[in-house]
Protein backbone atom coordinates (compact mmCIF):
# COMPACT_ATOMS: atom_id res chain seq x y z
CA UNK A 1 -148.18 -142.29 -108.21
CA UNK A 2 -145.54 -140.12 -106.56
CA UNK A 3 -148.26 -137.82 -105.31
CA UNK A 4 -150.14 -140.70 -103.75
CA UNK A 5 -146.94 -141.89 -102.17
CA UNK A 6 -146.15 -138.49 -100.79
CA UNK A 7 -149.68 -138.42 -99.28
CA UNK A 8 -149.25 -141.83 -97.86
CA UNK A 9 -151.95 -143.33 -99.90
CA UNK A 10 -150.23 -146.71 -100.20
CA UNK A 11 -153.24 -148.70 -100.86
CA UNK A 12 -153.92 -146.94 -104.16
CA UNK A 13 -150.48 -147.64 -105.51
CA UNK A 14 -150.87 -151.30 -106.62
CA UNK A 15 -153.84 -150.41 -109.02
CA UNK A 16 -151.79 -147.69 -110.57
CA UNK A 17 -148.88 -150.01 -111.02
CA UNK A 18 -151.04 -152.39 -112.81
CA UNK A 19 -152.10 -149.64 -115.14
CA UNK A 20 -148.44 -148.40 -115.42
CA UNK A 21 -146.79 -151.64 -116.35
CA UNK A 22 -148.18 -151.92 -120.03
CA UNK A 23 -147.22 -148.21 -120.72
CA UNK A 24 -143.70 -149.03 -119.46
CA UNK A 25 -143.44 -152.08 -121.67
CA UNK A 26 -144.83 -150.44 -124.84
CA UNK A 27 -142.35 -149.45 -127.62
CA UNK A 28 -141.14 -145.95 -127.33
CA UNK A 29 -138.95 -143.88 -129.59
CA UNK A 30 -135.26 -143.70 -128.86
CA UNK A 31 -135.12 -139.82 -128.85
CA UNK A 32 -134.01 -137.00 -126.50
CA UNK A 33 -137.63 -136.63 -125.26
CA UNK A 34 -138.03 -140.20 -124.31
CA UNK A 35 -134.60 -140.14 -122.61
CA UNK A 36 -135.60 -137.12 -120.50
CA UNK A 37 -138.92 -138.77 -119.66
CA UNK A 38 -137.02 -141.87 -118.56
CA UNK A 39 -134.72 -139.86 -116.47
CA UNK A 40 -137.65 -138.17 -114.65
CA UNK A 41 -139.46 -141.61 -114.15
CA UNK A 42 -136.32 -143.04 -112.63
CA UNK A 43 -136.14 -140.01 -110.31
CA UNK A 44 -139.79 -140.52 -109.34
CA UNK A 45 -139.12 -144.26 -108.68
CA UNK A 46 -136.19 -143.30 -106.41
CA UNK A 47 -138.35 -140.92 -104.48
CA UNK A 48 -141.10 -143.47 -104.08
CA UNK A 49 -138.70 -146.00 -102.87
CA UNK A 50 -137.31 -143.72 -100.29
CA UNK A 51 -140.84 -142.63 -99.16
CA UNK A 52 -141.80 -146.44 -98.91
CA UNK A 53 -138.62 -147.16 -96.76
CA UNK A 54 -139.56 -144.24 -94.57
CA UNK A 55 -143.17 -145.43 -94.20
CA UNK A 56 -141.99 -149.01 -93.54
CA UNK A 57 -139.69 -147.73 -90.82
CA UNK A 58 -142.55 -145.76 -89.20
CA UNK A 59 -144.75 -148.80 -89.23
CA UNK A 60 -142.05 -150.91 -87.76
CA UNK A 61 -141.53 -148.23 -85.09
CA UNK A 62 -145.20 -147.98 -84.25
CA UNK A 63 -145.39 -151.90 -84.01
CA UNK A 64 -142.41 -151.94 -81.70
CA UNK A 65 -143.97 -149.38 -79.50
CA UNK A 66 -147.22 -151.43 -79.44
CA UNK A 67 -145.42 -154.55 -78.51
CA UNK A 68 -143.67 -152.73 -75.65
CA UNK A 69 -146.86 -151.31 -74.50
CA UNK A 70 -148.56 -154.58 -74.47
CA UNK A 71 -145.65 -156.15 -72.44
CA UNK A 72 -145.84 -153.27 -69.87
CA UNK A 73 -149.64 -153.80 -69.55
CA UNK A 74 -149.08 -157.60 -69.14
CA UNK A 75 -146.39 -157.09 -66.51
CA UNK A 76 -148.70 -154.75 -64.62
CA UNK A 77 -151.65 -157.14 -64.79
CA UNK A 78 -149.41 -159.91 -63.49
CA UNK A 79 -148.14 -157.81 -60.64
CA UNK A 80 -151.66 -156.88 -59.66
CA UNK A 81 -152.67 -160.58 -59.19
């Protein structure tokens, strides 16, 4: 999932999340290996959240630029009339 997030393949993540949920909810041993894996999982989740926040900000900026461009075109068209 992290590799997909790093590549910006956000559309692929929901399907993987559906597959991941049963694995997360399954019973796991309470040992050092499981603790290490959980620590790695949490780190991956944190990185994915940061990547998602960055991607969301990029989309918001692109949308804002699009709105400003449309306003500029509308202003130009209105002046040309």
